[in-house]
Amino acid sequence: MKLKDPLLLRQLCFIDGGWAPADDGGTLSVSNPATSEKLGLIPNMGAAECRRAISSAAAALPAWADDVADCRNHSVSSCRRLAEQGVVFAQYNLGAMYDGGKGVPLDYDEAARWLRLRIECAPAQFPTSSQRL
């Protein structure tokens, strides 16, 4: 897959503040479900990597939760602005925020609205059942 900025395509996983391969070096091929074109490789992470990611996320949560409300509000506002512009990643994140009441009031109707928009904007980006991890 060709990108104008090749640094945008990461073939590693983000764990504990850095990009990392699988501990054993294993990878999985990722293909475009619409065309079967090979897009790249991702690390075939296992239980050890999963534990590190969960531990890192759990350690980061208190600092985020205690963050000043204005900072969180700015993050939600930025996410909403991007979602309204059709950025599918932001649409998904905003839907997930409403679904879990994270940074916004719990609102399943609003969650469904944003998640539905995300699906409508980029249906080809969803993996086939054989590609789901």
C-alpha atoms as a PDB file:
ATOM      1  CA  MET A   1       0.000   0.000   0.000  1.00  0.00           C
ATOM      2  CA  LYS A   2       1.421   3.366  -1.013  1.00  0.00           C
ATOM      3  CA  LEU A   3       0.963   6.400   1.217  1.00  0.00           C
ATOM      4  CA  LYS A   4       2.235   9.928   0.700  1.00  0.00           C
ATOM      5  CA  ASP A   5       3.681   9.719   4.206  1.00  0.00           C
ATOM      6  CA  PRO A   6       4.938   6.146   4.809  1.00  0.00           C
ATOM      7  CA  LEU A   7       5.283   6.860   8.542  1.00  0.00           C
ATOM      8  CA  LEU A   8       1.473   6.760   8.763  1.00  0.00           C
ATOM      9  CA  LEU A   9       1.442   3.010   8.137  1.00  0.00           C
ATOM     10  CA  ARG A  10       2.492   1.308  11.352  1.00  0.00           C
ATOM     11  CA  GLN A  11       3.094  -2.413  11.252  1.00  0.00           C
ATOM     12  CA  LEU A  12       3.709  -2.590  14.987  1.00  0.00           C
ATOM     13  CA  CYS A  13       1.459  -2.345  18.052  1.00  0.00           C
ATOM     14  CA  PHE A  14       1.490   0.561  20.493  1.00  0.00           C
ATOM     15  CA  ILE A  15       2.195  -0.758  23.984  1.00  0.00           C
ATOM     16  CA  ASP A  16       3.325   1.230  27.011  1.00  0.00           C
ATOM     17  CA  GLY A  17       4.171   4.379  25.073  1.00  0.00           C
ATOM     18  CA  GLY A  18       6.067   2.753  22.215  1.00  0.00           C
ATOM     19  CA  TRP A  19       5.695   0.781  18.997  1.00  0.00           C
ATOM     20  CA  ALA A  20       6.537  -2.897  19.442  1.00  0.00           C
ATOM     21  CA  PRO A  21       6.649  -6.126  17.436  1.00  0.00           C
ATOM     22  CA  ALA A  22       5.341  -9.419  18.794  1.00  0.00           C
ATOM     23  CA  ASP A  23       7.711 -10.957  21.312  1.00  0.00           C
ATOM     24  CA  ASP A  24       8.275 -13.953  19.046  1.00  0.00           C
ATOM     25  CA  GLY A  25       8.453 -11.834  15.875  1.00  0.00           C
ATOM     26  CA  GLY A  26       5.296 -13.431  14.436  1.00  0.00           C
ATOM     27  CA  THR A  27       3.081 -11.458  12.068  1.00  0.00           C
ATOM     28  CA  LEU A  28      -0.328 -11.637  10.419  1.00  0.00           C
ATOM     29  CA  SER A  29      -1.124 -10.408   6.937  1.00  0.00           C
ATOM     30  CA  VAL A  30      -3.764  -7.670   6.606  1.00  0.00           C
ATOM     31  CA  SER A  31      -5.708  -7.392   3.354  1.00  0.00           C
ATOM     32  CA  ASN A  32      -8.295  -5.004   1.990  1.00  0.00           C
ATOM     33  CA  PRO A  33     -11.552  -7.014   2.212  1.00  0.00           C
ATOM     34  CA  ALA A  34     -12.952  -5.299  -0.872  1.00  0.00           C
ATOM     35  CA  THR A  35     -10.002  -6.028  -3.168  1.00  0.00           C
ATOM     36  CA  SER A  36      -7.935  -8.687  -1.348  1.00  0.00           C
ATOM     37  CA  GLU A  37      -4.934  -6.379  -1.847  1.00  0.00           C
ATOM     38  CA  LYS A  38      -2.300  -7.003   0.815  1.00  0.00           C
ATOM     39  CA  LEU A  39      -2.007  -3.853   2.928  1.00  0.00           C
ATOM     40  CA  GLY A  40       0.720  -4.904   5.320  1.00  0.00           C
ATOM     41  CA  LEU A  41       1.616  -7.018   8.307  1.00  0.00           C
ATOM     42  CA  ILE A  42       0.700  -6.672  11.957  1.00  0.00           C
ATOM     43  CA  PRO A  43       2.352  -8.318  14.943  1.00  0.00           C
ATOM     44  CA  ASN A  44       0.763 -11.587  16.031  1.00  0.00           C
ATOM     45  CA  MET A  45       0.615 -10.584  19.683  1.00  0.00           C
ATOM     46  CA  GLY A  46       0.059 -13.140  22.407  1.00  0.00           C
ATOM     47  CA  ALA A  47      -0.874 -13.269  26.068  1.00  0.00           C
ATOM     48  CA  ALA A  48       2.349 -11.657  27.340  1.00  0.00           C
ATOM     49  CA  GLU A  49       1.973  -8.618  25.076  1.00  0.00           C
ATOM     50  CA  CYS A  50      -1.715  -8.393  26.007  1.00  0.00           C
ATOM     51  CA  ARG A  51      -0.860  -8.386  29.714  1.00  0.00           C
ATOM     52  CA  ARG A  52       1.700  -5.596  29.165  1.00  0.00           C
ATOM     53  CA  ALA A  53      -0.838  -3.516  27.211  1.00  0.00           C
ATOM     54  CA  ILE A  54      -3.523  -3.976  29.876  1.00  0.00           C
ATOM     55  CA  SER A  55      -1.085  -3.183  32.664  1.00  0.00           C
ATOM     56  CA  SER A  56       0.109  -0.053  30.880  1.00  0.00           C
ATOM     57  CA  ALA A  57      -3.448   1.123  30.205  1.00  0.00           C
ATOM     58  CA  ALA A  58      -4.447   0.485  33.820  1.00  0.00           C
ATOM     59  CA  ALA A  59      -1.416   2.466  35.047  1.00  0.00           C
ATOM     60  CA  ALA A  60      -2.274   5.386  32.741  1.00  0.00           C
ATOM     61  CA  LEU A  61      -5.968   5.531  33.682  1.00  0.00           C
ATOM     62  CA  PRO A  62      -5.678   7.307  37.076  1.00  0.00           C
ATOM     63  CA  ALA A  63      -3.673  10.190  35.602  1.00  0.00           C
ATOM     64  CA  TRP A  64      -6.186  10.572  32.786  1.00  0.00           C
ATOM     65  CA  ALA A  65      -9.165  10.296  35.146  1.00  0.00           C
ATOM     66  CA  ASP A  66      -7.688  12.908  37.497  1.00  0.00           C
ATOM     67  CA  ASP A  67      -6.853  15.256  34.638  1.00  0.00           C
ATOM     68  CA  VAL A  68      -8.353  18.717  34.728  1.00  0.00           C
ATOM     69  CA  ALA A  69     -11.912  18.708  33.341  1.00  0.00           C
ATOM     70  CA  ASP A  70     -11.033  21.459  30.856  1.00  0.00           C
ATOM     71  CA  CYS A  71      -8.366  19.251  29.316  1.00  0.00           C
ATOM     72  CA  ARG A  72     -10.786  16.331  28.927  1.00  0.00           C
ATOM     73  CA  ASN A  73     -13.439  18.672  27.544  1.00  0.00           C
ATOM     74  CA  HIS A  74     -10.925  19.919  24.978  1.00  0.00           C
ATOM     75  CA  SER A  75     -10.183  16.314  23.974  1.00  0.00           C
ATOM     76  CA  VAL A  76     -13.895  15.546  23.570  1.00  0.00           C
ATOM     77  CA  SER A  77     -14.411  18.776  21.604  1.00  0.00           C
ATOM     78  CA  SER A  78     -11.515  17.934  19.293  1.00  0.00           C
ATOM     79  CA  CYS A  79     -12.846  14.415  18.787  1.00  0.00           C
ATOM     80  CA  ARG A  80     -16.357  15.742  18.055  1.00  0.00           C
ATOM     81  CA  ARG A  81     -14.995  18.286  15.536  1.00  0.00           C
ATOM     82  CA  LEU A  82     -13.070  15.566  13.696  1.00  0.00           C
ATOM     83  CA  ALA A  83     -16.052  13.192  13.825  1.00  0.00           C
ATOM     84  CA  GLU A  84     -18.306  15.865  12.322  1.00  0.00           C
ATOM     85  CA  GLN A  85     -15.755  16.255   9.503  1.00  0.00           C
ATOM     86  CA  GLY A  86     -16.128  12.547   8.702  1.00  0.00           C
ATOM     87  CA  VAL A  87     -12.945  11.200  10.315  1.00  0.00           C
ATOM     88  CA  VAL A  88     -13.989   7.596  10.915  1.00  0.00           C
ATOM     89  CA  PHE A  89     -11.560   6.990  13.783  1.00  0.00           C
ATOM     90  CA  ALA A  90     -13.010   9.999  15.626  1.00  0.00           C
ATOM     91  CA  GLN A  91     -16.565   8.845  14.886  1.00  0.00           C
ATOM     92  CA  TYR A  92     -15.786   5.458  16.420  1.00  0.00           C
ATOM     93  CA  ASN A  93     -14.091   7.014  19.460  1.00  0.00           C
ATOM     94  CA  LEU A  94     -16.940   9.438  20.053  1.00  0.00           C
ATOM     95  CA  GLY A  95     -19.461   6.603  19.795  1.00  0.00           C
ATOM     96  CA  ALA A  96     -17.411   4.570  22.269  1.00  0.00           C
ATOM     97  CA  MET A  97     -17.243   7.555  24.653  1.00  0.00           C
ATOM     98  CA  TYR A  98     -21.033   7.888  24.664  1.00  0.00           C
ATOM     99  CA  ASP A  99     -21.444   4.109  24.956  1.00  0.00           C
ATOM    100  CA  GLY A 100     -19.329   4.028  28.107  1.00  0.00           C
ATOM    101  CA  GLY A 101     -20.038   7.487  29.509  1.00  0.00           C
ATOM    102  CA  LYS A 102     -16.329   8.329  29.288  1.00  0.00           C
ATOM    103  CA  GLY A 103     -15.823  12.101  29.174  1.00  0.00           C
ATOM    104  CA  VAL A 104     -19.453  12.586  28.067  1.00  0.00           C
ATOM    105  CA  PRO A 105     -22.799  11.615  29.586  1.00  0.00           C
ATOM    106  CA  LEU A 106     -23.799   7.981  29.031  1.00  0.00           C
ATOM    107  CA  ASP A 107     -26.094   8.110  25.981  1.00  0.00           C
ATOM    108  CA  TYR A 108     -26.758   4.956  23.948  1.00  0.00           C
ATOM    109  CA  ASP A 109     -28.732   6.820  21.266  1.00  0.00           C
ATOM    110  CA  GLU A 110     -25.826   9.210  20.680  1.00  0.00           C
ATOM    111  CA  ALA A 111     -23.389   6.275  20.729  1.00  0.00           C
ATOM    112  CA  ALA A 112     -25.441   4.453  18.101  1.00  0.00           C
ATOM    113  CA  ARG A 113     -25.636   7.590  15.958  1.00  0.00           C
ATOM    114  CA  TRP A 114     -21.849   8.042  15.853  1.00  0.00           C
ATOM    115  CA  LEU A 115     -21.095   4.348  15.416  1.00  0.00           C
ATOM    116  CA  ARG A 116     -23.654   4.127  12.585  1.00  0.00           C
ATOM    117  CA  LEU A 117     -22.002   7.129  10.877  1.00  0.00           C
ATOM    118  CA  ARG A 118     -18.615   5.436  11.226  1.00  0.00           C
ATOM    119  CA  ILE A 119     -19.929   2.317   9.492  1.00  0.00           C
ATOM    120  CA  GLU A 120     -21.639   4.308   6.731  1.00  0.00           C
ATOM    121  CA  CYS A 121     -18.537   6.414   6.051  1.00  0.00           C
ATOM    122  CA  ALA A 122     -16.089   3.548   5.705  1.00  0.00           C
ATOM    123  CA  PRO A 123     -17.754   0.133   5.393  1.00  0.00           C
ATOM    124  CA  ALA A 124     -14.815  -1.301   3.425  1.00  0.00           C
ATOM    125  CA  GLN A 125     -12.509  -0.715   6.394  1.00  0.00           C
ATOM    126  CA  PHE A 126     -14.197  -3.423   8.458  1.00  0.00           C
ATOM    127  CA  PRO A 127     -12.294  -6.734   8.445  1.00  0.00           C
ATOM    128  CA  THR A 128     -13.866  -9.926   7.215  1.00  0.00           C
ATOM    129  CA  SER A 129     -14.541 -12.608   9.809  1.00  0.00           C
ATOM    130  CA  SER A 130     -11.357 -14.436   8.792  1.00  0.00           C
ATOM    131  CA  GLN A 131      -9.274 -11.305   9.455  1.00  0.00           C
ATOM    132  CA  ARG A 132     -10.666 -10.418  12.883  1.00  0.00           C
ATOM    133  CA  LEU A 133      -8.323 -10.989  15.784  1.00  0.00           C
END
